[in-house]
Amino acid sequence: MPNPTELAVRQKSRLLDIAFDDGSSFSIPFELMRVYSPSAEVTGHGPGQEVLQLGKRDVGITGVEPVGNYAIKPIFDDGHASGIYTWAYLHKLGSEQDALWKDYLARLEQAGYAGDSGREPAAAPVRSSGGGCGSGSCGCS
């Protein structure tokens, strides 16, 4: 699995820019990260126990803590801070953005919350060719 070479939290655009040593790079919206948090609070404790996240279009990240040499733990401004995002999971979020957005928007619509996301269904994913670690505290080198 690729390892990150650069990571930057972009507050204004609400994006996590991440580049990997395999040459791939992604700009992952905070909203996508929050609604697909790998925490038990979001995923539940088994299939069918997932909790649909609502009202996360404007969620921010107030901090990012390194977890060993394999992950980060974002601190979201809605109080959510229990998701551990491994490099592999961040790569998945970045590379599968289109499918994940479509799934999330479909689940919102099915639950009667169409339009709850800041993402428009036809919008293209945002990709970045890099950017540096703004704070130096992300654990990337």
N, C-alpha and C. Protein backbone atom coordinates (compact mmCIF):
# COMPACT_ATOMS: atom_id res chain seq x y z
N MET A 1 0.85 -1.18 0.00
CA MET A 1 0.00 0.00 0.00
C MET A 1 0.89 1.23 0.00
N PRO A 2 0.50 2.24 -0.76
CA PRO A 2 1.30 3.46 -0.83
C PRO A 2 1.35 4.19 0.52
N ASN A 3 2.44 4.89 0.74
CA ASN A 3 2.61 5.72 1.93
C ASN A 3 2.52 7.19 1.51
N PRO A 4 2.04 8.05 2.42
CA PRO A 4 1.92 9.46 2.08
C PRO A 4 3.28 10.15 2.02
N THR A 5 3.40 11.08 1.11
CA THR A 5 4.60 11.91 1.01
C THR A 5 4.29 13.34 1.41
N GLU A 6 3.03 13.74 1.28
CA GLU A 6 2.59 15.08 1.65
C GLU A 6 1.17 15.00 2.17
N LEU A 7 0.86 15.86 3.14
CA LEU A 7 -0.48 15.93 3.69
C LEU A 7 -0.72 17.36 4.15
N ALA A 8 -1.84 17.94 3.75
CA ALA A 8 -2.17 19.31 4.14
C ALA A 8 -3.66 19.43 4.39
N VAL A 9 -4.00 20.09 5.48
CA VAL A 9 -5.38 20.38 5.82
C VAL A 9 -5.68 21.78 5.29
N ARG A 10 -6.62 21.87 4.37
CA ARG A 10 -6.99 23.15 3.74
C ARG A 10 -8.31 23.63 4.35
N GLN A 11 -8.21 24.53 5.31
CA GLN A 11 -9.39 24.97 6.06
C GLN A 11 -10.42 25.69 5.18
N LYS A 12 -9.99 26.63 4.36
CA LYS A 12 -10.94 27.41 3.55
C LYS A 12 -11.72 26.52 2.58
N SER A 13 -11.03 25.64 1.89
CA SER A 13 -11.69 24.78 0.91
C SER A 13 -12.25 23.51 1.53
N ARG A 14 -11.96 23.28 2.81
CA ARG A 14 -12.43 22.08 3.53
C ARG A 14 -12.00 20.80 2.82
N LEU A 15 -10.69 20.75 2.53
CA LEU A 15 -10.12 19.59 1.84
C LEU A 15 -8.88 19.10 2.56
N LEU A 16 -8.70 17.80 2.55
CA LEU A 16 -7.45 17.20 2.99
C LEU A 16 -6.70 16.81 1.72
N ASP A 17 -5.59 17.48 1.46
CA ASP A 17 -4.75 17.14 0.31
C ASP A 17 -3.74 16.10 0.76
N ILE A 18 -3.66 15.03 0.00
CA ILE A 18 -2.71 13.97 0.35
C ILE A 18 -2.08 13.41 -0.93
N ALA A 19 -0.77 13.27 -0.90
CA ALA A 19 -0.02 12.68 -2.02
C ALA A 19 0.66 11.42 -1.50
N PHE A 20 0.77 10.44 -2.37
CA PHE A 20 1.36 9.15 -1.99
C PHE A 20 2.60 8.86 -2.83
N ASP A 21 3.42 7.96 -2.30
CA ASP A 21 4.68 7.63 -2.98
C ASP A 21 4.49 6.82 -4.26
N ASP A 22 3.25 6.44 -4.58
CA ASP A 22 3.00 5.76 -5.86
C ASP A 22 2.66 6.77 -6.96
N GLY A 23 2.71 8.07 -6.61
CA GLY A 23 2.41 9.12 -7.58
C GLY A 23 0.98 9.61 -7.55
N SER A 24 0.11 8.94 -6.81
CA SER A 24 -1.28 9.38 -6.73
C SER A 24 -1.40 10.52 -5.72
N SER A 25 -2.38 11.38 -5.96
CA SER A 25 -2.68 12.45 -5.01
C SER A 25 -4.17 12.76 -5.09
N PHE A 26 -4.71 13.18 -3.96
CA PHE A 26 -6.15 13.41 -3.86
C PHE A 26 -6.42 14.63 -2.99
N SER A 27 -7.54 15.25 -3.24
CA SER A 27 -8.11 16.26 -2.37
C SER A 27 -9.42 15.68 -1.86
N ILE A 28 -9.43 15.32 -0.60
CA ILE A 28 -10.59 14.64 -0.02
C ILE A 28 -11.39 15.64 0.80
N PRO A 29 -12.65 15.87 0.43
CA PRO A 29 -13.48 16.80 1.20
C PRO A 29 -13.68 16.32 2.64
N PHE A 30 -13.65 17.27 3.57
CA PHE A 30 -13.87 16.94 4.98
C PHE A 30 -15.21 16.23 5.14
N GLU A 31 -16.23 16.68 4.41
CA GLU A 31 -17.55 16.06 4.51
C GLU A 31 -17.47 14.57 4.18
N LEU A 32 -16.78 14.22 3.11
CA LEU A 32 -16.66 12.82 2.73
C LEU A 32 -15.93 12.04 3.83
N MET A 33 -14.86 12.62 4.37
CA MET A 33 -14.14 11.96 5.46
C MET A 33 -15.04 11.74 6.66
N ARG A 34 -15.85 12.74 6.98
CA ARG A 34 -16.69 12.65 8.18
C ARG A 34 -17.80 11.62 8.01
N VAL A 35 -18.46 11.62 6.85
CA VAL A 35 -19.59 10.70 6.67
C VAL A 35 -19.12 9.27 6.45
N TYR A 36 -17.86 9.08 6.07
CA TYR A 36 -17.30 7.74 5.92
C TYR A 36 -16.24 7.48 6.99
N SER A 37 -16.40 8.08 8.16
CA SER A 37 -15.46 7.85 9.25
C SER A 37 -15.41 6.36 9.55
N PRO A 38 -14.20 5.82 9.76
CA PRO A 38 -14.08 4.41 10.08
C PRO A 38 -14.41 4.08 11.54
N SER A 39 -14.95 5.03 12.28
CA SER A 39 -15.26 4.81 13.70
C SER A 39 -16.51 3.96 13.86
N ALA A 40 -16.63 3.31 15.00
CA ALA A 40 -17.81 2.51 15.31
C ALA A 40 -19.05 3.39 15.41
N GLU A 41 -18.88 4.64 15.77
CA GLU A 41 -20.01 5.59 15.84
C GLU A 41 -20.70 5.72 14.48
N VAL A 42 -19.94 5.57 13.40
CA VAL A 42 -20.48 5.71 12.04
C VAL A 42 -20.72 4.34 11.41
N THR A 43 -19.77 3.43 11.53
CA THR A 43 -19.88 2.13 10.86
C THR A 43 -20.70 1.12 11.65
N GLY A 44 -20.93 1.36 12.93
CA GLY A 44 -21.61 0.39 13.76
C GLY A 44 -20.65 -0.74 14.11
N HIS A 45 -21.20 -1.83 14.60
CA HIS A 45 -20.36 -2.96 14.99
C HIS A 45 -20.57 -4.17 14.09
N GLY A 46 -21.14 -3.91 12.91
CA GLY A 46 -21.35 -5.00 11.97
C GLY A 46 -22.21 -4.53 10.81
N PRO A 47 -22.30 -5.36 9.77
CA PRO A 47 -23.11 -5.00 8.61
C PRO A 47 -24.55 -4.66 8.99
N GLY A 48 -25.06 -3.61 8.38
CA GLY A 48 -26.42 -3.18 8.65
C GLY A 48 -26.56 -2.26 9.85
N GLN A 49 -25.47 -2.00 10.55
CA GLN A 49 -25.53 -1.11 11.72
C GLN A 49 -24.95 0.27 11.43
N GLU A 50 -24.67 0.57 10.16
CA GLU A 50 -24.12 1.86 9.80
C GLU A 50 -25.11 2.97 10.17
N VAL A 51 -24.57 4.11 10.57
CA VAL A 51 -25.40 5.25 10.96
C VAL A 51 -25.21 6.35 9.90
N LEU A 52 -26.30 6.70 9.22
CA LEU A 52 -26.26 7.74 8.20
C LEU A 52 -25.95 9.07 8.87
N GLN A 53 -24.92 9.74 8.39
CA GLN A 53 -24.49 11.01 8.95
C GLN A 53 -25.20 12.15 8.22
N LEU A 54 -25.83 13.02 8.98
CA LEU A 54 -26.59 14.13 8.41
C LEU A 54 -25.97 15.47 8.79
N GLY A 55 -26.18 16.47 7.95
CA GLY A 55 -25.78 17.83 8.27
C GLY A 55 -24.27 18.05 8.37
N LYS A 56 -23.49 17.36 7.55
CA LYS A 56 -22.04 17.45 7.63
C LYS A 56 -21.42 18.27 6.51
N ARG A 57 -22.23 18.96 5.72
CA ARG A 57 -21.71 19.70 4.56
C ARG A 57 -20.68 20.74 4.95
N ASP A 58 -20.81 21.36 6.11
CA ASP A 58 -19.88 22.42 6.52
C ASP A 58 -18.93 21.99 7.62
N VAL A 59 -18.78 20.69 7.83
CA VAL A 59 -17.91 20.22 8.90
C VAL A 59 -16.47 20.65 8.64
N GLY A 60 -15.79 21.00 9.71
CA GLY A 60 -14.38 21.39 9.61
C GLY A 60 -13.50 20.44 10.38
N ILE A 61 -12.22 20.59 10.20
CA ILE A 61 -11.24 19.82 10.96
C ILE A 61 -10.43 20.83 11.75
N THR A 62 -10.40 20.66 13.07
CA THR A 62 -9.68 21.59 13.93
C THR A 62 -8.27 21.11 14.26
N GLY A 63 -8.00 19.86 14.00
CA GLY A 63 -6.67 19.32 14.26
C GLY A 63 -6.52 17.94 13.66
N VAL A 64 -5.27 17.52 13.52
CA VAL A 64 -4.96 16.19 13.01
C VAL A 64 -3.85 15.62 13.88
N GLU A 65 -4.09 14.46 14.46
CA GLU A 65 -3.09 13.82 15.30
C GLU A 65 -2.51 12.61 14.57
N PRO A 66 -1.19 12.45 14.56
CA PRO A 66 -0.60 11.25 13.96
C PRO A 66 -0.90 10.04 14.84
N VAL A 67 -1.09 8.89 14.20
CA VAL A 67 -1.28 7.63 14.91
C VAL A 67 -0.18 6.70 14.40
N GLY A 68 0.87 6.57 15.20
CA GLY A 68 2.01 5.78 14.76
C GLY A 68 2.53 6.28 13.43
N ASN A 69 2.97 5.35 12.61
CA ASN A 69 3.45 5.68 11.26
C ASN A 69 2.47 5.17 10.20
N TYR A 70 1.22 4.91 10.62
CA TYR A 70 0.28 4.28 9.70
C TYR A 70 -1.05 5.01 9.51
N ALA A 71 -1.29 6.09 10.27
CA ALA A 71 -2.62 6.70 10.22
C ALA A 71 -2.62 8.10 10.82
N ILE A 72 -3.78 8.75 10.67
CA ILE A 72 -4.04 10.02 11.35
C ILE A 72 -5.41 9.94 12.03
N LYS A 73 -5.60 10.79 13.00
CA LYS A 73 -6.89 10.93 13.66
C LYS A 73 -7.31 12.39 13.55
N PRO A 74 -8.22 12.70 12.61
CA PRO A 74 -8.71 14.07 12.49
C PRO A 74 -9.65 14.41 13.64
N ILE A 75 -9.60 15.65 14.07
CA ILE A 75 -10.53 16.15 15.08
C ILE A 75 -11.49 17.07 14.33
N PHE A 76 -12.75 16.65 14.23
CA PHE A 76 -13.75 17.41 13.50
C PHE A 76 -14.42 18.43 14.42
N ASP A 77 -14.84 19.55 13.87
CA ASP A 77 -15.42 20.60 14.70
C ASP A 77 -16.83 20.30 15.19
N ASP A 78 -17.39 19.16 14.80
CA ASP A 78 -18.68 18.74 15.35
C ASP A 78 -18.49 17.83 16.56
N GLY A 79 -17.25 17.69 17.02
CA GLY A 79 -16.96 16.89 18.21
C GLY A 79 -16.51 15.47 17.90
N HIS A 80 -16.61 15.05 16.66
CA HIS A 80 -16.21 13.69 16.30
C HIS A 80 -14.68 13.60 16.25
N ALA A 81 -14.13 12.66 17.02
CA ALA A 81 -12.68 12.53 17.06
C ALA A 81 -12.24 11.09 17.28
N SER A 82 -13.09 10.14 16.93
CA SER A 82 -12.75 8.74 17.21
C SER A 82 -12.36 7.92 15.98
N GLY A 83 -12.33 8.52 14.81
CA GLY A 83 -11.96 7.77 13.61
C GLY A 83 -10.46 7.74 13.39
N ILE A 84 -9.92 6.56 13.15
CA ILE A 84 -8.51 6.39 12.82
C ILE A 84 -8.46 6.11 11.32
N TYR A 85 -7.86 7.02 10.57
CA TYR A 85 -7.80 6.94 9.11
C TYR A 85 -6.42 6.44 8.71
N THR A 86 -6.34 5.17 8.36
CA THR A 86 -5.05 4.60 7.92
C THR A 86 -4.71 5.16 6.55
N TRP A 87 -3.45 5.04 6.17
CA TRP A 87 -3.04 5.50 4.84
C TRP A 87 -3.84 4.76 3.77
N ALA A 88 -4.05 3.45 3.98
CA ALA A 88 -4.82 2.66 3.01
C ALA A 88 -6.25 3.18 2.91
N TYR A 89 -6.86 3.54 4.04
CA TYR A 89 -8.23 4.03 4.01
C TYR A 89 -8.32 5.40 3.34
N LEU A 90 -7.36 6.28 3.60
CA LEU A 90 -7.34 7.58 2.94
C LEU A 90 -7.15 7.42 1.43
N HIS A 91 -6.31 6.47 1.03
CA HIS A 91 -6.12 6.20 -0.39
C HIS A 91 -7.43 5.71 -1.01
N LYS A 92 -8.14 4.86 -0.30
CA LYS A 92 -9.45 4.37 -0.77
C LYS A 92 -10.44 5.52 -0.89
N LEU A 93 -10.52 6.38 0.13
CA LEU A 93 -11.44 7.52 0.07
C LEU A 93 -11.13 8.39 -1.14
N GLY A 94 -9.85 8.63 -1.38
CA GLY A 94 -9.46 9.46 -2.51
C GLY A 94 -9.74 8.80 -3.85
N SER A 95 -9.36 7.55 -3.99
CA SER A 95 -9.48 6.89 -5.29
C SER A 95 -10.91 6.46 -5.61
N GLU A 96 -11.77 6.31 -4.61
CA GLU A 96 -13.15 5.88 -4.83
C GLU A 96 -14.16 6.98 -4.55
N GLN A 97 -13.71 8.24 -4.58
CA GLN A 97 -14.58 9.37 -4.25
C GLN A 97 -15.90 9.37 -5.01
N ASP A 98 -15.85 9.19 -6.31
CA ASP A 98 -17.08 9.25 -7.11
C ASP A 98 -18.12 8.24 -6.64
N ALA A 99 -17.72 7.00 -6.49
CA ALA A 99 -18.64 5.95 -6.06
C ALA A 99 -19.14 6.20 -4.64
N LEU A 100 -18.26 6.65 -3.77
CA LEU A 100 -18.65 6.91 -2.38
C LEU A 100 -19.65 8.06 -2.30
N TRP A 101 -19.41 9.13 -3.08
CA TRP A 101 -20.37 10.24 -3.11
C TRP A 101 -21.73 9.77 -3.61
N LYS A 102 -21.74 9.01 -4.71
CA LYS A 102 -23.00 8.53 -5.27
C LYS A 102 -23.76 7.69 -4.25
N ASP A 103 -23.05 6.83 -3.55
CA ASP A 103 -23.68 5.99 -2.53
C ASP A 103 -24.25 6.84 -1.40
N TYR A 104 -23.47 7.80 -0.93
CA TYR A 104 -23.92 8.66 0.17
C TYR A 104 -25.14 9.49 -0.24
N LEU A 105 -25.10 10.09 -1.43
CA LEU A 105 -26.23 10.88 -1.89
C LEU A 105 -27.48 10.03 -2.07
N ALA A 106 -27.31 8.81 -2.54
CA ALA A 106 -28.45 7.90 -2.70
C ALA A 106 -29.04 7.53 -1.33
N ARG A 107 -28.18 7.29 -0.35
CA ARG A 107 -28.67 6.96 1.00
C ARG A 107 -29.39 8.16 1.63
N LEU A 108 -28.86 9.38 1.40
CA LEU A 108 -29.55 10.58 1.90
C LEU A 108 -30.93 10.70 1.27
N GLU A 109 -30.99 10.52 -0.04
CA GLU A 109 -32.27 10.64 -0.73
C GLU A 109 -33.26 9.59 -0.25
N GLN A 110 -32.79 8.36 -0.11
CA GLN A 110 -33.66 7.27 0.34
C GLN A 110 -34.21 7.54 1.75
N ALA A 111 -33.42 8.20 2.58
CA ALA A 111 -33.84 8.51 3.94
C ALA A 111 -34.66 9.80 4.03
N GLY A 112 -34.86 10.47 2.86
CA GLY A 112 -35.65 11.68 2.84
C GLY A 112 -34.86 12.95 3.11
N TYR A 113 -33.55 12.88 2.95
CA TYR A 113 -32.69 14.03 3.22
C TYR A 113 -31.93 14.47 1.97
N ALA A 114 -32.53 14.34 0.82
CA ALA A 114 -31.88 14.78 -0.42
C ALA A 114 -31.50 16.24 -0.28
N GLY A 115 -30.31 16.58 -0.73
CA GLY A 115 -29.85 17.96 -0.63
C GLY A 115 -29.16 18.27 0.68
N ASP A 116 -29.02 17.30 1.57
CA ASP A 116 -28.38 17.54 2.86
C ASP A 116 -26.87 17.72 2.71
N SER A 117 -26.31 17.19 1.63
CA SER A 117 -24.88 17.29 1.40
C SER A 117 -24.54 18.55 0.63
N GLY A 118 -23.31 19.03 0.82
CA GLY A 118 -22.83 20.16 0.05
C GLY A 118 -22.37 19.75 -1.33
N ARG A 119 -22.33 18.46 -1.59
CA ARG A 119 -21.86 17.91 -2.85
C ARG A 119 -23.02 17.82 -3.83
N GLU A 120 -22.82 18.32 -5.02
CA GLU A 120 -23.81 18.18 -6.08
C GLU A 120 -23.56 16.84 -6.76
N PRO A 121 -24.60 16.08 -7.09
CA PRO A 121 -24.41 14.75 -7.67
C PRO A 121 -23.56 14.73 -8.94
N ALA A 122 -23.63 15.76 -9.76
CA ALA A 122 -22.90 15.73 -11.03
C ALA A 122 -21.50 16.34 -10.93
N ALA A 123 -21.11 16.81 -9.76
CA ALA A 123 -19.81 17.47 -9.62
C ALA A 123 -18.67 16.45 -9.75
N ALA A 124 -17.60 16.89 -10.32
CA ALA A 124 -16.43 16.03 -10.50
C ALA A 124 -15.59 16.05 -9.23
N PRO A 125 -14.85 14.97 -8.96
CA PRO A 125 -13.99 14.96 -7.78
C PRO A 125 -12.87 15.98 -7.94
N VAL A 126 -12.43 16.50 -6.83
CA VAL A 126 -11.33 17.47 -6.84
C VAL A 126 -10.04 16.70 -6.63
N ARG A 127 -9.09 16.90 -7.51
CA ARG A 127 -7.80 16.23 -7.40
C ARG A 127 -6.72 17.29 -7.28
N SER A 128 -5.68 16.94 -6.59
CA SER A 128 -4.58 17.88 -6.41
C SER A 128 -3.28 17.19 -6.73
N SER A 129 -2.33 17.94 -7.21
CA SER A 129 -1.03 17.36 -7.50
C SER A 129 -0.09 17.51 -6.32
N GLY A 130 -0.59 17.99 -5.21
CA GLY A 130 0.28 18.06 -4.04
C GLY A 130 -0.05 19.20 -3.14
N GLY A 131 0.97 19.71 -2.49
CA GLY A 131 0.82 20.72 -1.46
C GLY A 131 1.54 20.22 -0.24
N GLY A 132 2.10 21.07 0.52
CA GLY A 132 2.88 20.64 1.66
C GLY A 132 2.06 20.53 2.91
N CYS A 133 2.64 19.95 3.90
CA CYS A 133 2.02 19.84 5.20
C CYS A 133 2.08 21.21 5.84
N GLY A 134 0.95 21.81 6.04
CA GLY A 134 0.90 23.16 6.53
C GLY A 134 1.42 23.35 7.94
N SER A 135 1.19 22.36 8.82
CA SER A 135 1.56 22.55 10.20
C SER A 135 2.83 21.82 10.58
N GLY A 136 3.20 20.83 9.80
CA GLY A 136 4.38 20.03 10.17
C GLY A 136 4.08 19.02 11.26
N SER A 137 2.83 19.00 11.77
CA SER A 137 2.51 18.09 12.87
C SER A 137 1.73 16.86 12.41
N CYS A 138 1.64 16.64 11.10
CA CYS A 138 0.82 15.54 10.61
C CYS A 138 1.52 14.20 10.65
N GLY A 139 2.83 14.20 10.87
CA GLY A 139 3.54 12.95 10.92
C GLY A 139 4.08 12.49 9.58
N CYS A 140 3.85 13.25 8.53
CA CYS A 140 4.36 12.89 7.21
C CYS A 140 5.76 13.43 7.03
N SER A 141 6.52 12.78 6.17
CA SER A 141 7.86 13.29 5.88
C SER A 141 8.04 13.41 4.39
